[in-house]
Amino acid sequence: MPQPGRIAFRCLCDRRTESVSCAVVERGRLLVWLAVVVGLALIALAVVYWAEPAKSLPSWLPGHEAGSNHHHVKHGIASFLLGLACLVFAWFRSAGPRPRSAAA
């Protein structure tokens, strides 16, 4: 039986009566890596918002305005805070199990 927080995958061998465990994927690790990647991407996006004027932003980003020299400071702050939140989530999620305190 798989442990909580894990997904067990099973594959069958050539013989139909035997099954062999192929891989156990930890959802927690995948979620941590995904949060780290998204967090770093959002922080990089914040730097782009702060460094580039609205006319230089890619057209697929919110805030792109042709001919505008305005910097989107609030977009950058929001992106930075969301990226920081993703990194904090990954940090707390990657911690090991808490030690149990002795019950009195």
C-alpha atoms as a PDB file:
ATOM      1  CA  MET A   1       0.000   0.000   0.000  1.00  0.00           C
ATOM      2  CA  PRO A   2       1.478   3.402  -0.952  1.00  0.00           C
ATOM      3  CA  GLN A   3       2.317   5.913   1.740  1.00  0.00           C
ATOM      4  CA  PRO A   4       0.275   9.110   1.995  1.00  0.00           C
ATOM      5  CA  GLY A   5       1.528  11.708  -0.474  1.00  0.00           C
ATOM      6  CA  ARG A   6       2.831   9.109  -2.919  1.00  0.00           C
ATOM      7  CA  ILE A   7       1.380   7.614  -6.052  1.00  0.00           C
ATOM      8  CA  ALA A   8       2.356   4.036  -6.851  1.00  0.00           C
ATOM      9  CA  PHE A   9       2.487   2.876 -10.440  1.00  0.00           C
ATOM     10  CA  ARG A  10       2.447  -0.805 -11.255  1.00  0.00           C
ATOM     11  CA  CYS A  11       3.243  -2.477 -14.553  1.00  0.00           C
ATOM     12  CA  LEU A  12       2.733  -6.034 -15.606  1.00  0.00           C
ATOM     13  CA  CYS A  13       5.490  -8.388 -16.667  1.00  0.00           C
ATOM     14  CA  ASP A  14       5.207 -10.792 -19.587  1.00  0.00           C
ATOM     15  CA  ARG A  15       3.314 -13.195 -17.383  1.00  0.00           C
ATOM     16  CA  ARG A  16      -0.132 -11.963 -16.466  1.00  0.00           C
ATOM     17  CA  THR A  17      -0.057 -13.444 -12.978  1.00  0.00           C
ATOM     18  CA  GLU A  18       3.031 -11.471 -11.839  1.00  0.00           C
ATOM     19  CA  SER A  19       3.134  -7.745 -11.298  1.00  0.00           C
ATOM     20  CA  VAL A  20       6.240  -5.723 -10.656  1.00  0.00           C
ATOM     21  CA  SER A  21       6.390  -2.289  -9.113  1.00  0.00           C
ATOM     22  CA  CYS A  22       7.929  -0.003 -11.744  1.00  0.00           C
ATOM     23  CA  ALA A  23       8.143   3.407 -10.109  1.00  0.00           C
ATOM     24  CA  VAL A  24       6.944   5.407  -7.181  1.00  0.00           C
ATOM     25  CA  VAL A  25       6.518   9.089  -7.883  1.00  0.00           C
ATOM     26  CA  GLU A  26       6.472  11.531  -5.037  1.00  0.00           C
ATOM     27  CA  ARG A  27       3.868  14.186  -5.668  1.00  0.00           C
ATOM     28  CA  GLY A  28       5.508  16.417  -3.104  1.00  0.00           C
ATOM     29  CA  ARG A  29       8.811  16.652  -4.942  1.00  0.00           C
ATOM     30  CA  LEU A  30       7.136  17.356  -8.252  1.00  0.00           C
ATOM     31  CA  LEU A  31       5.066  20.085  -6.635  1.00  0.00           C
ATOM     32  CA  VAL A  32       8.155  21.597  -4.984  1.00  0.00           C
ATOM     33  CA  TRP A  33      10.081  21.727  -8.265  1.00  0.00           C
ATOM     34  CA  LEU A  34       7.087  23.165 -10.075  1.00  0.00           C
ATOM     35  CA  ALA A  35       6.691  25.872  -7.402  1.00  0.00           C
ATOM     36  CA  VAL A  36      10.410  26.735  -7.624  1.00  0.00           C
ATOM     37  CA  VAL A  37      10.313  27.042 -11.419  1.00  0.00           C
ATOM     38  CA  VAL A  38       7.130  29.139 -11.381  1.00  0.00           C
ATOM     39  CA  GLY A  39       8.490  31.296  -8.554  1.00  0.00           C
ATOM     40  CA  LEU A  40      11.745  32.033 -10.365  1.00  0.00           C
ATOM     41  CA  ALA A  41       9.875  32.758 -13.605  1.00  0.00           C
ATOM     42  CA  LEU A  42       7.586  35.223 -11.818  1.00  0.00           C
ATOM     43  CA  ILE A  43      10.543  36.988 -10.200  1.00  0.00           C
ATOM     44  CA  ALA A  44      12.237  37.251 -13.589  1.00  0.00           C
ATOM     45  CA  LEU A  45       8.992  38.666 -14.998  1.00  0.00           C
ATOM     46  CA  ALA A  46       8.965  41.257 -12.205  1.00  0.00           C
ATOM     47  CA  VAL A  47      12.444  42.392 -13.239  1.00  0.00           C
ATOM     48  CA  VAL A  48      11.233  42.724 -16.841  1.00  0.00           C
ATOM     49  CA  TYR A  49       8.266  44.826 -15.698  1.00  0.00           C
ATOM     50  CA  TRP A  50      10.567  47.108 -13.700  1.00  0.00           C
ATOM     51  CA  ALA A  51      13.296  47.407 -16.336  1.00  0.00           C
ATOM     52  CA  GLU A  52      11.339  47.752 -19.583  1.00  0.00           C
ATOM     53  CA  PRO A  53       8.834  50.450 -20.520  1.00  0.00           C
ATOM     54  CA  ALA A  54       5.364  49.375 -21.619  1.00  0.00           C
ATOM     55  CA  LYS A  55       6.205  49.776 -25.313  1.00  0.00           C
ATOM     56  CA  SER A  56       9.110  47.299 -25.023  1.00  0.00           C
ATOM     57  CA  LEU A  57       7.144  44.541 -23.283  1.00  0.00           C
ATOM     58  CA  PRO A  58       6.246  41.508 -25.389  1.00  0.00           C
ATOM     59  CA  SER A  59       2.734  41.819 -26.784  1.00  0.00           C
ATOM     60  CA  TRP A  60       1.518  38.719 -24.927  1.00  0.00           C
ATOM     61  CA  LEU A  61       2.271  40.270 -21.510  1.00  0.00           C
ATOM     62  CA  PRO A  62      -0.409  42.284 -19.723  1.00  0.00           C
ATOM     63  CA  GLY A  63       0.532  45.961 -19.751  1.00  0.00           C
ATOM     64  CA  HIS A  64       1.967  46.154 -23.263  1.00  0.00           C
ATOM     65  CA  GLU A  65       1.109  49.553 -24.717  1.00  0.00           C
ATOM     66  CA  ALA A  66       2.529  50.695 -28.030  1.00  0.00           C
ATOM     67  CA  GLY A  67       4.334  54.035 -27.768  1.00  0.00           C
ATOM     68  CA  SER A  68       4.146  54.243 -23.955  1.00  0.00           C
ATOM     69  CA  ASN A  69       7.230  54.966 -21.828  1.00  0.00           C
ATOM     70  CA  HIS A  70       5.393  54.054 -18.603  1.00  0.00           C
ATOM     71  CA  HIS A  71       6.942  51.379 -16.349  1.00  0.00           C
ATOM     72  CA  HIS A  72       4.464  48.982 -14.748  1.00  0.00           C
ATOM     73  CA  VAL A  73       5.678  49.121 -11.162  1.00  0.00           C
ATOM     74  CA  LYS A  74       2.520  47.557  -9.695  1.00  0.00           C
ATOM     75  CA  HIS A  75       2.641  44.668 -12.183  1.00  0.00           C
ATOM     76  CA  GLY A  76       6.249  44.087 -11.120  1.00  0.00           C
ATOM     77  CA  ILE A  77       5.408  44.183  -7.417  1.00  0.00           C
ATOM     78  CA  ALA A  78       2.534  41.721  -7.883  1.00  0.00           C
ATOM     79  CA  SER A  79       4.690  39.357  -9.948  1.00  0.00           C
ATOM     80  CA  PHE A  80       7.527  39.565  -7.416  1.00  0.00           C
ATOM     81  CA  LEU A  81       5.240  38.855  -4.456  1.00  0.00           C
ATOM     82  CA  LEU A  82       3.598  35.892  -6.216  1.00  0.00           C
ATOM     83  CA  GLY A  83       7.034  34.517  -7.108  1.00  0.00           C
ATOM     84  CA  LEU A  84       8.191  34.945  -3.530  1.00  0.00           C
ATOM     85  CA  ALA A  85       5.041  33.188  -2.289  1.00  0.00           C
ATOM     86  CA  CYS A  86       5.749  30.246  -4.624  1.00  0.00           C
ATOM     87  CA  LEU A  87       9.307  29.969  -3.298  1.00  0.00           C
ATOM     88  CA  VAL A  88       8.114  30.116   0.323  1.00  0.00           C
ATOM     89  CA  PHE A  89       5.525  27.432  -0.463  1.00  0.00           C
ATOM     90  CA  ALA A  90       8.272  25.238  -1.968  1.00  0.00           C
ATOM     91  CA  TRP A  91      10.495  25.816   1.058  1.00  0.00           C
ATOM     92  CA  PHE A  92       7.809  24.765   3.548  1.00  0.00           C
ATOM     93  CA  ARG A  93       6.652  21.879   1.345  1.00  0.00           C
ATOM     94  CA  SER A  94      10.205  20.494   1.041  1.00  0.00           C
ATOM     95  CA  ALA A  95      10.714  20.246   4.803  1.00  0.00           C
ATOM     96  CA  GLY A  96      10.841  16.787   6.292  1.00  0.00           C
ATOM     97  CA  PRO A  97       8.226  15.389   8.618  1.00  0.00           C
ATOM     98  CA  ARG A  98       7.800  17.200  11.915  1.00  0.00           C
ATOM     99  CA  PRO A  99       9.034  15.385  14.998  1.00  0.00           C
ATOM    100  CA  ARG A 100       6.218  14.321  17.249  1.00  0.00           C
ATOM    101  CA  SER A 101       6.191  15.930  20.658  1.00  0.00           C
ATOM    102  CA  ALA A 102       5.866  13.690  23.684  1.00  0.00           C
ATOM    103  CA  ALA A 103       2.289  13.656  24.902  1.00  0.00           C
ATOM    104  CA  ALA A 104       1.942  14.242  28.604  1.00  0.00           C
END
